[in-house]
Amino acid sequence: MAPRGSERTRAHDAEKCWRRSLEHCRRALRTRRMPFLKNLFRPSTADKKKAGPIRVGAYAFEPANENVIGSGGYGKVYKGVGRETDSPVAVKVVAVGQMSKWAIMEEIKLMEMSGNHPNVVQMLAHDMRPARGDDPEVVYIAMELATGGHLFTRVTSAGTLSEKDARRYFSQIMRGVDFL
């Protein structure tokens, strides 16, 4: 068993080390060298008041976890509905800081040009909301909901595709790419 003086010294050294680390993190955050530390000193999002549905043109969605149908490196896709028709839609939410504004606008232009092709997901509406407080500038893109699932999942669950199915899928992909 270690003597009491040694325990006090170790506890004091650990506290000093912790305080130095905390001060280093705060300094790094202030100088923007470590932006990922921002969330350590920010109040929990659970404390925020629950927001109502977000509207994008004639469509609306609730930004809740149970409505997420997909996510990626640039944002999330939520299930929404047409306010007048109650038809299901997908709403892509992209923070401008995660993807450049130019790239987002190019995607929107491409989707607008694609019009109404049977092998290309159609954009229904889009909206851009400016940054407010800690919230970044956000782009919302409402598009038709494709419910067929992922082609990769279909191929791996079947093990192999028949030549007929492979030809059909490949033909659909090529018609969509050719149209764009």
C-alpha atoms as a PDB file:
ATOM      1  CA  MET A   1       0.000   0.000   0.000  1.00  0.00           C
ATOM      2  CA  ALA A   2       1.370   3.418  -0.989  1.00  0.00           C
ATOM      3  CA  PRO A   3       1.910   6.117   1.641  1.00  0.00           C
ATOM      4  CA  ARG A   4      -0.720   8.860   1.951  1.00  0.00           C
ATOM      5  CA  GLY A   5       1.596  11.668   0.802  1.00  0.00           C
ATOM      6  CA  SER A   6       2.293   9.833  -2.437  1.00  0.00           C
ATOM      7  CA  GLU A   7      -1.462   9.394  -3.114  1.00  0.00           C
ATOM      8  CA  ARG A   8      -2.071  13.120  -2.593  1.00  0.00           C
ATOM      9  CA  THR A   9       0.782  14.006  -4.941  1.00  0.00           C
ATOM     10  CA  ARG A  10      -0.567  11.681  -7.638  1.00  0.00           C
ATOM     11  CA  ALA A  11      -4.080  13.109  -7.290  1.00  0.00           C
ATOM     12  CA  HIS A  12      -2.715  16.656  -7.435  1.00  0.00           C
ATOM     13  CA  ASP A  13      -0.595  15.838 -10.519  1.00  0.00           C
ATOM     14  CA  ALA A  14      -3.594  14.224 -12.253  1.00  0.00           C
ATOM     15  CA  GLU A  15      -5.758  17.284 -11.560  1.00  0.00           C
ATOM     16  CA  LYS A  16      -3.027  19.612 -12.860  1.00  0.00           C
ATOM     17  CA  CYS A  17      -2.692  17.501 -16.004  1.00  0.00           C
ATOM     18  CA  TRP A  18      -6.469  17.500 -16.544  1.00  0.00           C
ATOM     19  CA  ARG A  19      -6.663  21.304 -16.117  1.00  0.00           C
ATOM     20  CA  ARG A  20      -3.803  21.800 -18.602  1.00  0.00           C
ATOM     21  CA  SER A  21      -5.526  19.520 -21.111  1.00  0.00           C
ATOM     22  CA  LEU A  22      -8.822  21.340 -20.700  1.00  0.00           C
ATOM     23  CA  GLU A  23      -7.146  24.736 -21.138  1.00  0.00           C
ATOM     24  CA  HIS A  24      -5.269  23.425 -24.190  1.00  0.00           C
ATOM     25  CA  CYS A  25      -8.580  22.266 -25.738  1.00  0.00           C
ATOM     26  CA  ARG A  26     -10.245  25.616 -25.060  1.00  0.00           C
ATOM     27  CA  ARG A  27      -7.272  27.499 -26.531  1.00  0.00           C
ATOM     28  CA  ALA A  28      -7.270  25.253 -29.611  1.00  0.00           C
ATOM     29  CA  LEU A  29     -10.989  25.812 -30.026  1.00  0.00           C
ATOM     30  CA  ARG A  30     -10.576  29.601 -29.797  1.00  0.00           C
ATOM     31  CA  THR A  31      -7.821  29.569 -32.414  1.00  0.00           C
ATOM     32  CA  ARG A  32      -9.899  27.194 -34.642  1.00  0.00           C
ATOM     33  CA  ARG A  33      -7.174  24.572 -34.813  1.00  0.00           C
ATOM     34  CA  MET A  34      -9.474  21.830 -33.549  1.00  0.00           C
ATOM     35  CA  PRO A  35     -13.080  22.604 -34.591  1.00  0.00           C
ATOM     36  CA  PHE A  36     -14.246  19.079 -33.727  1.00  0.00           C
ATOM     37  CA  LEU A  37     -13.930  20.039 -30.032  1.00  0.00           C
ATOM     38  CA  LYS A  38     -16.783  22.543 -30.387  1.00  0.00           C
ATOM     39  CA  ASN A  39     -19.398  20.030 -29.263  1.00  0.00           C
ATOM     40  CA  LEU A  40     -17.613  19.386 -25.962  1.00  0.00           C
ATOM     41  CA  PHE A  41     -18.452  22.858 -24.701  1.00  0.00           C
ATOM     42  CA  ARG A  42     -21.873  23.264 -26.340  1.00  0.00           C
ATOM     43  CA  PRO A  43     -25.160  22.529 -24.544  1.00  0.00           C
ATOM     44  CA  SER A  44     -26.852  19.281 -25.511  1.00  0.00           C
ATOM     45  CA  THR A  45     -29.245  19.343 -28.457  1.00  0.00           C
ATOM     46  CA  ALA A  46     -31.752  17.539 -26.236  1.00  0.00           C
ATOM     47  CA  ASP A  47     -32.136  20.833 -24.349  1.00  0.00           C
ATOM     48  CA  LYS A  48     -33.344  22.607 -27.487  1.00  0.00           C
ATOM     49  CA  LYS A  49     -37.052  23.115 -28.024  1.00  0.00           C
ATOM     50  CA  LYS A  50     -38.556  20.557 -30.413  1.00  0.00           C
ATOM     51  CA  ALA A  51     -39.045  22.087 -33.838  1.00  0.00           C
ATOM     52  CA  GLY A  52     -42.126  21.504 -35.949  1.00  0.00           C
ATOM     53  CA  PRO A  53     -42.166  20.228 -39.511  1.00  0.00           C
ATOM     54  CA  ILE A  54     -39.841  21.916 -41.995  1.00  0.00           C
ATOM     55  CA  ARG A  55     -41.448  23.000 -45.264  1.00  0.00           C
ATOM     56  CA  VAL A  56     -39.778  22.744 -48.645  1.00  0.00           C
ATOM     57  CA  GLY A  57     -42.098  24.077 -51.315  1.00  0.00           C
ATOM     58  CA  ALA A  58     -45.306  22.037 -51.209  1.00  0.00           C
ATOM     59  CA  TYR A  59     -43.629  19.331 -49.092  1.00  0.00           C
ATOM     60  CA  ALA A  60     -42.880  18.931 -45.383  1.00  0.00           C
ATOM     61  CA  PHE A  61     -40.822  16.634 -43.145  1.00  0.00           C
ATOM     62  CA  GLU A  62     -40.014  16.184 -39.465  1.00  0.00           C
ATOM     63  CA  PRO A  63     -36.249  16.131 -38.797  1.00  0.00           C
ATOM     64  CA  ALA A  64     -36.478  13.219 -36.343  1.00  0.00           C
ATOM     65  CA  ASN A  65     -34.345  10.074 -36.195  1.00  0.00           C
ATOM     66  CA  GLU A  66     -37.306   7.803 -36.968  1.00  0.00           C
ATOM     67  CA  ASN A  67     -37.779   9.624 -40.302  1.00  0.00           C
ATOM     68  CA  VAL A  68     -34.180   9.167 -41.506  1.00  0.00           C
ATOM     69  CA  ILE A  69     -34.111   6.885 -44.557  1.00  0.00           C
ATOM     70  CA  GLY A  70     -30.442   7.372 -45.399  1.00  0.00           C
ATOM     71  CA  SER A  71     -27.323   9.301 -44.536  1.00  0.00           C
ATOM     72  CA  GLY A  72     -23.920   9.913 -45.971  1.00  0.00           C
ATOM     73  CA  GLY A  73     -20.870  12.104 -45.731  1.00  0.00           C
ATOM     74  CA  TYR A  74     -22.706  15.244 -46.806  1.00  0.00           C
ATOM     75  CA  GLY A  75     -26.047  15.008 -45.059  1.00  0.00           C
ATOM     76  CA  LYS A  76     -29.185  13.012 -44.329  1.00  0.00           C
ATOM     77  CA  VAL A  77     -32.307  12.033 -46.234  1.00  0.00           C
ATOM     78  CA  TYR A  78     -35.643  12.149 -44.424  1.00  0.00           C
ATOM     79  CA  LYS A  79     -39.041  10.774 -45.352  1.00  0.00           C
ATOM     80  CA  GLY A  80     -41.532  13.575 -45.930  1.00  0.00           C
ATOM     81  CA  VAL A  81     -44.992  14.096 -47.418  1.00  0.00           C
ATOM     82  CA  GLY A  82     -46.689  16.343 -49.928  1.00  0.00           C
ATOM     83  CA  ARG A  83     -48.756  18.831 -47.926  1.00  0.00           C
ATOM     84  CA  GLU A  84     -51.613  18.777 -50.427  1.00  0.00           C
ATOM     85  CA  THR A  85     -51.402  15.236 -51.790  1.00  0.00           C
ATOM     86  CA  ASP A  86     -50.018  13.272 -48.783  1.00  0.00           C
ATOM     87  CA  SER A  87     -47.721  11.482 -51.249  1.00  0.00           C
ATOM     88  CA  PRO A  88     -44.421  10.272 -49.747  1.00  0.00           C
ATOM     89  CA  VAL A  89     -41.236  12.127 -50.748  1.00  0.00           C
ATOM     90  CA  ALA A  90     -37.562  12.085 -49.815  1.00  0.00           C
ATOM     91  CA  VAL A  91     -35.996  15.301 -48.490  1.00  0.00           C
ATOM     92  CA  LYS A  92     -32.213  15.586 -48.669  1.00  0.00           C
ATOM     93  CA  VAL A  93     -30.678  17.937 -46.083  1.00  0.00           C
ATOM     94  CA  VAL A  94     -27.137  19.190 -46.757  1.00  0.00           C
ATOM     95  CA  ALA A  95     -25.196  21.639 -44.571  1.00  0.00           C
ATOM     96  CA  VAL A  96     -23.264  24.037 -46.818  1.00  0.00           C
ATOM     97  CA  GLY A  97     -20.127  23.648 -44.674  1.00  0.00           C
ATOM     98  CA  GLN A  98     -19.996  19.898 -45.413  1.00  0.00           C
ATOM     99  CA  MET A  99     -20.340  20.313 -49.177  1.00  0.00           C
ATOM    100  CA  SER A 100     -19.445  23.416 -51.153  1.00  0.00           C
ATOM    101  CA  LYS A 101     -22.309  25.686 -52.187  1.00  0.00           C
ATOM    102  CA  TRP A 102     -21.151  25.399 -55.801  1.00  0.00           C
ATOM    103  CA  ALA A 103     -21.383  21.579 -55.742  1.00  0.00           C
ATOM    104  CA  ILE A 104     -24.867  21.709 -54.205  1.00  0.00           C
ATOM    105  CA  MET A 105     -26.051  24.190 -56.833  1.00  0.00           C
ATOM    106  CA  GLU A 106     -24.606  21.984 -59.601  1.00  0.00           C
ATOM    107  CA  GLU A 107     -26.559  19.015 -58.235  1.00  0.00           C
ATOM    108  CA  ILE A 108     -29.754  21.106 -58.175  1.00  0.00           C
ATOM    109  CA  LYS A 109     -29.167  22.337 -61.756  1.00  0.00           C
ATOM    110  CA  LEU A 110     -28.564  18.771 -62.949  1.00  0.00           C
ATOM    111  CA  MET A 111     -31.753  17.574 -61.276  1.00  0.00           C
ATOM    112  CA  GLU A 112     -33.730  20.483 -62.772  1.00  0.00           C
ATOM    113  CA  MET A 113     -32.411  19.638 -66.254  1.00  0.00           C
ATOM    114  CA  SER A 114     -33.277  15.953 -65.867  1.00  0.00           C
ATOM    115  CA  GLY A 115     -36.975  16.794 -65.983  1.00  0.00           C
ATOM    116  CA  ASN A 116     -39.222  13.776 -65.940  1.00  0.00           C
ATOM    117  CA  HIS A 117     -37.220  10.744 -67.057  1.00  0.00           C
ATOM    118  CA  PRO A 118     -38.376   7.312 -65.815  1.00  0.00           C
ATOM    119  CA  ASN A 119     -34.810   6.265 -64.833  1.00  0.00           C
ATOM    120  CA  VAL A 120     -33.809   9.468 -62.996  1.00  0.00           C
ATOM    121  CA  VAL A 121     -35.139  10.523 -59.594  1.00  0.00           C
ATOM    122  CA  GLN A 122     -37.118  13.727 -60.083  1.00  0.00           C
ATOM    123  CA  MET A 123     -36.500  16.827 -57.954  1.00  0.00           C
ATOM    124  CA  LEU A 124     -39.761  18.320 -56.744  1.00  0.00           C
ATOM    125  CA  ALA A 125     -38.594  21.432 -54.852  1.00  0.00           C
ATOM    126  CA  HIS A 126     -35.542  22.958 -53.197  1.00  0.00           C
ATOM    127  CA  ASP A 127     -34.886  25.626 -50.612  1.00  0.00           C
ATOM    128  CA  MET A 128     -31.874  27.224 -48.940  1.00  0.00           C
ATOM    129  CA  ARG A 129     -32.001  28.490 -45.362  1.00  0.00           C
ATOM    130  CA  PRO A 130     -29.384  30.988 -44.140  1.00  0.00           C
ATOM    131  CA  ALA A 131     -27.191  30.289 -41.127  1.00  0.00           C
ATOM    132  CA  ARG A 132     -28.672  31.282 -37.758  1.00  0.00           C
ATOM    133  CA  GLY A 133     -26.585  31.364 -34.592  1.00  0.00           C
ATOM    134  CA  ASP A 134     -24.744  28.049 -34.313  1.00  0.00           C
ATOM    135  CA  ASP A 135     -26.814  26.438 -37.093  1.00  0.00           C
ATOM    136  CA  PRO A 136     -25.054  26.355 -40.495  1.00  0.00           C
ATOM    137  CA  GLU A 137     -26.546  27.348 -43.833  1.00  0.00           C
ATOM    138  CA  VAL A 138     -28.660  24.412 -45.028  1.00  0.00           C
ATOM    139  CA  VAL A 139     -30.031  23.282 -48.394  1.00  0.00           C
ATOM    140  CA  TYR A 140     -33.183  21.155 -48.601  1.00  0.00           C
ATOM    141  CA  ILE A 141     -33.947  19.149 -51.743  1.00  0.00           C
ATOM    142  CA  ALA A 142     -37.348  17.415 -51.980  1.00  0.00           C
ATOM    143  CA  MET A 143     -37.419  14.596 -54.519  1.00  0.00           C
ATOM    144  CA  GLU A 144     -39.526  11.630 -55.421  1.00  0.00           C
ATOM    145  CA  LEU A 145     -39.131   8.696 -53.041  1.00  0.00           C
ATOM    146  CA  ALA A 146     -37.537   5.603 -54.622  1.00  0.00           C
ATOM    147  CA  THR A 147     -38.764   2.671 -52.546  1.00  0.00           C
ATOM    148  CA  GLY A 148     -37.265  -0.243 -54.463  1.00  0.00           C
ATOM    149  CA  GLY A 149     -34.177  -0.563 -52.247  1.00  0.00           C
ATOM    150  CA  HIS A 150     -30.506  -0.659 -53.199  1.00  0.00           C
ATOM    151  CA  LEU A 151     -29.401  -2.577 -56.285  1.00  0.00           C
ATOM    152  CA  PHE A 152     -26.338  -3.817 -54.371  1.00  0.00           C
ATOM    153  CA  THR A 153     -28.586  -5.350 -51.675  1.00  0.00           C
ATOM    154  CA  ARG A 154     -30.733  -7.023 -54.303  1.00  0.00           C
ATOM    155  CA  VAL A 155     -27.677  -8.530 -56.012  1.00  0.00           C
ATOM    156  CA  THR A 156     -25.999  -9.740 -52.802  1.00  0.00           C
ATOM    157  CA  SER A 157     -29.216 -11.211 -51.336  1.00  0.00           C
ATOM    158  CA  ALA A 158     -29.887 -13.164 -54.544  1.00  0.00           C
ATOM    159  CA  GLY A 159     -26.273 -14.338 -54.778  1.00  0.00           C
ATOM    160  CA  THR A 160     -26.313 -13.968 -58.554  1.00  0.00           C
ATOM    161  CA  LEU A 161     -28.546 -12.256 -61.080  1.00  0.00           C
ATOM    162  CA  SER A 162     -29.972 -13.950 -64.102  1.00  0.00           C
ATOM    163  CA  GLU A 163     -28.725 -12.574 -67.411  1.00  0.00           C
ATOM    164  CA  LYS A 164     -32.221 -11.221 -68.087  1.00  0.00           C
ATOM    165  CA  ASP A 165     -32.317  -9.237 -64.798  1.00  0.00           C
ATOM    166  CA  ALA A 166     -28.740  -8.001 -65.224  1.00  0.00           C
ATOM    167  CA  ARG A 167     -29.551  -6.802 -68.754  1.00  0.00           C
ATOM    168  CA  ARG A 168     -32.683  -4.998 -67.497  1.00  0.00           C
ATOM    169  CA  TYR A 169     -30.853  -3.218 -64.642  1.00  0.00           C
ATOM    170  CA  PHE A 170     -27.905  -2.286 -66.824  1.00  0.00           C
ATOM    171  CA  SER A 171     -30.229  -0.967 -69.531  1.00  0.00           C
ATOM    172  CA  GLN A 172     -32.068   1.241 -66.985  1.00  0.00           C
ATOM    173  CA  ILE A 173     -28.785   2.610 -65.630  1.00  0.00           C
ATOM    174  CA  MET A 174     -27.466   3.386 -69.121  1.00  0.00           C
ATOM    175  CA  ARG A 175     -30.713   5.110 -70.204  1.00  0.00           C
ATOM    176  CA  GLY A 176     -30.556   7.339 -67.095  1.00  0.00           C
ATOM    177  CA  VAL A 177     -26.862   8.180 -67.594  1.00  0.00           C
ATOM    178  CA  ASP A 178     -27.381   8.789 -71.327  1.00  0.00           C
ATOM    179  CA  PHE A 179     -30.261  11.166 -70.564  1.00  0.00           C
ATOM    180  CA  LEU A 180     -28.099  13.199 -68.169  1.00  0.00           C
END
